[in-house]
Protein backbone atom coordinates (compact mmCIF):
# COMPACT_ATOMS: atom_id res chain seq x y z
CA MET A 1 -13.85 7.11 1.20
CA ILE A 2 -11.73 6.69 4.17
CA GLN A 3 -11.85 8.48 7.54
CA PHE A 4 -9.85 8.39 10.79
CA LYS A 5 -11.87 10.31 13.66
CA ASP A 6 -10.03 10.71 16.86
CA VAL A 7 -8.06 7.04 16.58
CA ASP A 8 -5.37 5.99 18.75
CA LEU A 9 -3.88 2.70 18.49
CA VAL A 10 -1.34 1.39 21.37
CA TYR A 11 0.51 -2.10 21.74
CA PRO A 12 0.31 -4.77 24.54
CA ASN A 13 4.31 -3.12 24.89
CA GLY A 14 2.13 0.19 25.47
CA THR A 15 4.46 1.98 22.10
CA VAL A 16 2.26 4.19 21.18
CA GLY A 17 1.69 3.80 17.40
CA LEU A 18 -0.95 5.96 16.29
CA LYS A 19 -2.14 9.28 18.46
CA ASN A 20 -5.15 11.41 18.07
CA VAL A 21 -5.09 10.42 13.78
CA ASN A 22 -8.24 12.65 11.98
CA LEU A 23 -8.28 11.85 8.64
CA THR A 24 -10.20 11.58 5.73
CA ILE A 25 -8.70 10.16 2.11
CA ASN A 26 -11.26 10.74 -1.15
CA ASP A 27 -12.50 8.08 -3.71
CA GLY A 28 -8.96 8.32 -6.57
CA GLU A 29 -6.74 9.98 -4.17
CA PHE A 30 -3.44 9.05 -4.30
CA VAL A 31 -1.28 9.62 -0.83
CA VAL A 32 2.19 9.83 0.09
CA VAL A 33 2.43 9.30 4.05
CA VAL A 34 6.41 9.90 4.87
CA GLY A 35 7.78 10.33 8.02
CA LEU A 36 10.72 8.84 10.41
CA SER A 37 11.19 5.03 10.69
CA GLY A 38 9.15 4.55 13.56
CA ALA A 39 6.53 7.34 12.87
CA GLY A 40 3.95 4.67 12.51
CA LYS A 41 3.69 4.79 8.42
CA SER A 42 3.10 1.24 7.95
CA THR A 43 0.40 1.07 11.75
CA LEU A 44 -1.62 3.76 9.62
CA ILE A 45 -2.38 1.42 6.12
CA ARG A 46 -2.39 -1.67 8.74
CA SER A 47 -5.16 -0.53 10.66
CA ILE A 48 -7.32 0.25 7.28
CA ASN A 49 -7.01 -3.59 6.61
CA ARG A 50 -7.34 -4.28 10.19
CA LEU A 51 -3.51 -6.23 10.24
CA VAL A 52 -3.41 -3.83 13.80
CA THR A 53 -6.71 -3.29 15.19
CA PRO A 54 -6.41 0.55 16.69
CA THR A 55 -7.44 0.64 20.58
CA SER A 56 -9.99 3.85 20.37
CA GLY A 57 -11.37 5.60 18.34
CA GLU A 58 -13.53 4.83 14.53
CA LEU A 59 -11.86 4.09 11.60
CA LEU A 60 -14.59 4.32 8.63
CA VAL A 61 -14.17 2.78 5.66
CA ASP A 62 -17.17 4.03 3.16
CA ASN A 63 -19.38 4.96 5.81
CA GLU A 64 -18.72 1.40 8.32
CA ASP A 65 -16.79 1.52 11.34
CA ILE A 66 -14.53 -1.67 11.24
CA LEU A 67 -12.82 -1.39 13.91
CA LYS A 68 -16.11 -3.23 14.90
CA TYR A 69 -15.71 -6.11 12.10
CA ARG A 70 -14.82 -9.76 13.02
CA GLY A 71 -15.51 -12.90 10.41
CA SER A 72 -16.41 -12.38 7.02
CA ASP A 73 -16.74 -8.73 7.43
CA LEU A 74 -12.85 -9.00 7.46
CA ARG A 75 -12.28 -10.59 5.24
CA LYS A 76 -14.59 -8.68 3.11
CA LEU A 77 -12.30 -5.87 4.08
CA ARG A 78 -9.59 -7.47 2.96
CA THR A 79 -11.19 -8.44 -0.20
CA LYS A 80 -11.25 -4.35 -1.05
CA THR A 81 -8.29 -3.05 0.05
CA GLY A 82 -5.21 -4.72 -1.93
CA MET A 83 -2.34 -4.63 -0.11
CA ILE A 84 1.44 -4.27 -1.65
CA PHE A 85 4.59 -5.41 0.95
CA GLN A 86 7.77 -4.24 1.04
CA ASN A 87 8.71 -7.55 0.51
CA TYR A 88 6.38 -8.93 -2.32
CA ASN A 89 5.08 -11.39 -0.11
CA LEU A 90 5.17 -14.10 -3.10
CA VAL A 91 4.72 -17.88 -3.03
CA LYS A 92 8.54 -18.32 -4.06
CA ARG A 93 7.81 -22.00 -5.72
CA SER A 94 4.67 -20.80 -7.13
CA SER A 95 4.47 -19.89 -10.83
CA VAL A 96 3.70 -15.93 -11.44
CA ILE A 97 0.24 -17.06 -12.37
CA LYS A 98 -0.86 -18.91 -9.48
CA ASN A 99 0.92 -16.12 -7.38
CA VAL A 100 -1.95 -13.38 -9.14
CA LEU A 101 -4.79 -15.22 -9.39
CA ALA A 102 -4.73 -15.20 -5.66
CA GLY A 103 -5.64 -11.88 -6.05
CA ARG A 104 -9.01 -14.16 -6.76
CA LEU A 105 -8.93 -15.94 -2.87
CA GLY A 106 -11.52 -13.41 -1.72
CA HIS A 107 -13.72 -14.26 -4.66
CA THR A 108 -13.85 -17.75 -5.07
CA GLY A 109 -14.93 -20.34 -2.75
CA THR A 110 -12.16 -22.47 -0.22
CA LEU A 111 -12.58 -25.86 -2.74
CA ARG A 112 -11.64 -23.99 -5.97
CA SER A 113 -8.64 -22.23 -4.62
CA ILE A 114 -7.76 -25.34 -3.02
CA PHE A 115 -7.54 -27.31 -6.12
CA ASN A 116 -6.17 -24.33 -8.74
CA ALA A 117 -10.10 -24.70 -9.70
CA TYR A 118 -10.02 -20.82 -11.07
CA LYS A 119 -12.72 -19.77 -13.84
CA LYS A 120 -11.61 -18.61 -16.94
CA GLU A 121 -12.87 -15.02 -16.43
CA ASP A 122 -10.40 -15.31 -13.45
CA VAL A 123 -7.86 -16.28 -15.31
CA GLY A 124 -8.29 -14.01 -18.28
CA LEU A 125 -8.28 -11.29 -15.79
CA ALA A 126 -5.07 -12.27 -14.16
CA TYR A 127 -3.85 -12.42 -17.74
CA GLU A 128 -4.27 -9.04 -18.27
CA SER A 129 -3.21 -7.58 -15.56
CA LEU A 130 0.09 -8.83 -15.78
CA LYS A 131 0.04 -7.47 -19.54
CA ARG A 132 -0.81 -4.37 -17.11
CA VAL A 133 2.43 -4.38 -15.93
CA ASN A 134 4.42 -5.67 -19.00
CA ILE A 135 5.14 -8.78 -17.45
CA ALA A 136 2.60 -11.30 -19.04
CA GLU A 137 5.89 -13.42 -20.43
CA LYS A 138 7.17 -14.25 -17.37
CA ILE A 139 3.89 -16.13 -16.99
CA TYR A 140 4.91 -19.56 -16.41
CA ASN A 141 7.96 -18.99 -14.33
CA ARG A 142 9.15 -19.59 -10.83
CA ALA A 143 8.36 -16.11 -8.53
CA ASP A 144 11.86 -16.78 -7.62
CA GLU A 145 13.08 -16.50 -10.97
CA LEU A 146 12.49 -13.37 -11.15
CA SER A 147 14.56 -10.09 -9.93
CA GLY A 148 12.81 -8.04 -6.97
CA GLY A 149 11.19 -5.12 -9.73
CA GLN A 150 9.95 -7.95 -11.97
CA GLN A 151 8.13 -9.98 -7.79
CA GLN A 152 6.69 -6.24 -7.29
CA ARG A 153 5.25 -6.14 -10.57
CA VAL A 154 3.52 -9.39 -9.67
CA SER A 155 2.51 -8.51 -6.76
CA ILE A 156 0.54 -5.27 -8.00
CA ALA A 157 -0.65 -7.59 -11.00
CA ARG A 158 -2.12 -9.45 -8.19
CA VAL A 159 -3.35 -6.68 -6.38
CA LEU A 160 -5.32 -5.88 -9.59
CA THR A 161 -6.57 -8.96 -9.67
CA GLN A 162 -8.16 -8.84 -6.51
CA GLN A 163 -10.16 -5.74 -8.64
CA PRO A 164 -9.98 -3.96 -4.69
CA LYS A 165 -11.33 -0.32 -3.95
CA TYR A 166 -8.57 0.53 -2.20
CA ILE A 167 -4.18 0.06 -2.89
CA LEU A 168 -2.57 -0.04 0.12
CA ALA A 169 1.21 0.15 -0.79
CA ASP A 170 3.99 -0.20 2.69
CA GLU A 171 7.17 0.83 0.81
CA PRO A 172 6.72 -0.49 -1.68
CA VAL A 173 10.31 0.13 -3.38
CA ALA A 174 12.52 0.03 -0.34
CA SER A 175 14.41 -2.96 -1.64
CA LEU A 176 14.92 -1.49 -5.38
CA ASP A 177 17.51 0.75 -6.81
CA PRO A 178 16.03 3.86 -8.11
CA PRO A 179 14.88 2.94 -11.97
CA THR A 180 13.24 0.03 -11.39
CA SER A 181 11.89 1.96 -7.75
CA HIS A 182 9.98 5.12 -10.27
CA GLN A 183 9.28 2.16 -12.20
CA VAL A 184 6.75 1.00 -10.13
CA MET A 185 6.18 4.29 -9.10
CA THR A 186 5.05 4.67 -11.71
CA TYR A 187 2.85 1.69 -12.68
CA LEU A 188 1.54 2.64 -9.07
CA ARG A 189 -0.05 5.95 -10.32
CA LYS A 190 -0.98 4.89 -13.51
CA ILE A 191 -3.68 2.54 -12.41
CA ASN A 192 -4.32 4.74 -9.93
CA LYS A 193 -5.29 7.31 -12.38
CA GLU A 194 -6.52 4.68 -15.14
CA ASP A 195 -9.41 3.15 -12.48
CA ASN A 196 -9.92 6.01 -10.22
CA LEU A 197 -8.34 3.42 -7.25
CA THR A 198 -7.78 4.80 -4.32
CA THR A 199 -3.76 4.06 -3.14
CA ILE A 200 -1.75 5.15 -0.25
CA VAL A 201 1.78 4.65 -0.09
CA ASN A 202 4.47 4.27 2.36
CA LEU A 203 7.47 5.92 1.37
CA HIS A 204 10.97 7.35 2.24
CA PHE A 205 12.39 8.37 -0.58
CA ILE A 206 11.46 12.43 -1.07
CA ASP A 207 11.89 13.33 -4.41
CA MET A 208 9.33 10.43 -5.06
CA ALA A 209 6.85 11.68 -2.47
CA MET A 210 7.13 14.36 -4.95
CA GLU A 211 6.48 13.62 -7.73
CA TYR A 212 3.69 11.10 -7.64
CA ALA A 213 1.74 12.18 -4.34
CA ASP A 214 -1.12 13.96 -4.98
CA ARG A 215 -1.10 14.97 -1.24
CA ILE A 216 1.16 14.43 1.38
CA ILE A 217 0.66 13.10 4.88
CA GLY A 218 3.51 13.59 7.23
CA MET A 219 3.76 11.72 10.34
CA ARG A 220 5.75 11.69 13.38
CA ALA A 221 5.62 9.78 16.85
CA GLY A 222 2.30 8.21 16.09
CA GLU A 223 0.91 11.57 15.11
CA VAL A 224 -0.18 13.47 11.25
CA VAL A 225 2.25 16.30 11.91
CA PHE A 226 1.59 17.38 8.33
CA ASP A 227 -1.44 17.41 5.58
CA GLY A 228 -1.86 19.10 2.41
CA PRO A 229 -1.93 18.81 -1.57
CA VAL A 230 1.93 17.87 -2.75
CA SER A 231 2.03 22.08 -4.31
CA GLU A 232 2.38 23.11 -0.54
CA VAL A 233 5.01 21.06 0.19
CA THR A 234 8.61 22.77 0.20
CA GLU A 235 11.99 21.78 2.33
CA LYS A 236 10.26 23.40 5.39
CA THR A 237 7.86 21.10 5.32
CA PHE A 238 9.98 18.28 5.15
CA GLU A 239 11.95 19.59 7.72
CA GLU A 240 8.97 20.16 10.28
CA ILE A 241 7.96 16.05 9.18
CA TYR A 242 11.19 14.85 10.27
CA GLY A 243 12.70 17.37 12.98
CA ARG A 244 15.93 18.48 11.57
CA SER A 245 17.70 19.79 8.54
CA ILE A 246 17.04 18.38 4.63
CA ARG A 247 19.84 17.78 3.53
CA GLU A 248 20.85 16.40 -0.28
CA ASP A 249 21.54 13.31 -0.02
CA ASP A 250 18.63 12.89 2.12
CA LEU A 251 16.25 13.77 -1.18
CA ARG A 252 17.73 10.73 -3.17
CA GLY A 253 18.80 8.59 -0.60
CA GLY A 254 15.30 8.65 1.82
CA ALA A 255 15.16 11.07 4.84
CA ASP A 256 14.25 7.66 7.84
CA GLN A 257 17.20 6.20 6.76
CA SER A 258 19.04 7.31 9.39
């Protein structure tokens, strides 16, 4: 379980990232966070693995306040929170299998990782992870030989190999065309259901939010302005989240790009 209790985050330049956020995200949920650019979506997700650090409040992951974490505690937190980035975050010149094995870094000693001396079980797990996102045939290709959608599937396989408890996906389909975006979202949803992995995804495509989410959180100016099951979401809900009318092109192309 993840709990935000009166969480604020103010950046050094005075910009408000999060304001009085109170949320509980239960185990196994598939949550989609929506809102305009700058609404606080990325800040919310990145605070969960302390890529950014809230300035006040409590942020509990499995009943422990992670805002107090330092050193080895932070490493453990990042091992159980798998992160998927918009830009894939792969080592372009390395092979697919080496990129996926990077998911084991939190479980592997420093020397093993430096010399790529991974255990046989780790290599087997990486291969199975690639099979689950249907890209095992690219195992020895360099990452920069792959399309954007293929690279994002490799990054999902890397997270699977990490064996996290939580998946955080920060705009994972923003750089992809619509068919490829749906493919990536389908894999994330499938993994969420099969492994009961709590998954939190930032999206700017409203139609995808409606199609894949169990629950939608709407943010504006760092505040949570909507939180509820997808069954309660209407066009009026999105108008309230975005602060303006939602046109047909917004449904297809993402309301936070204007």
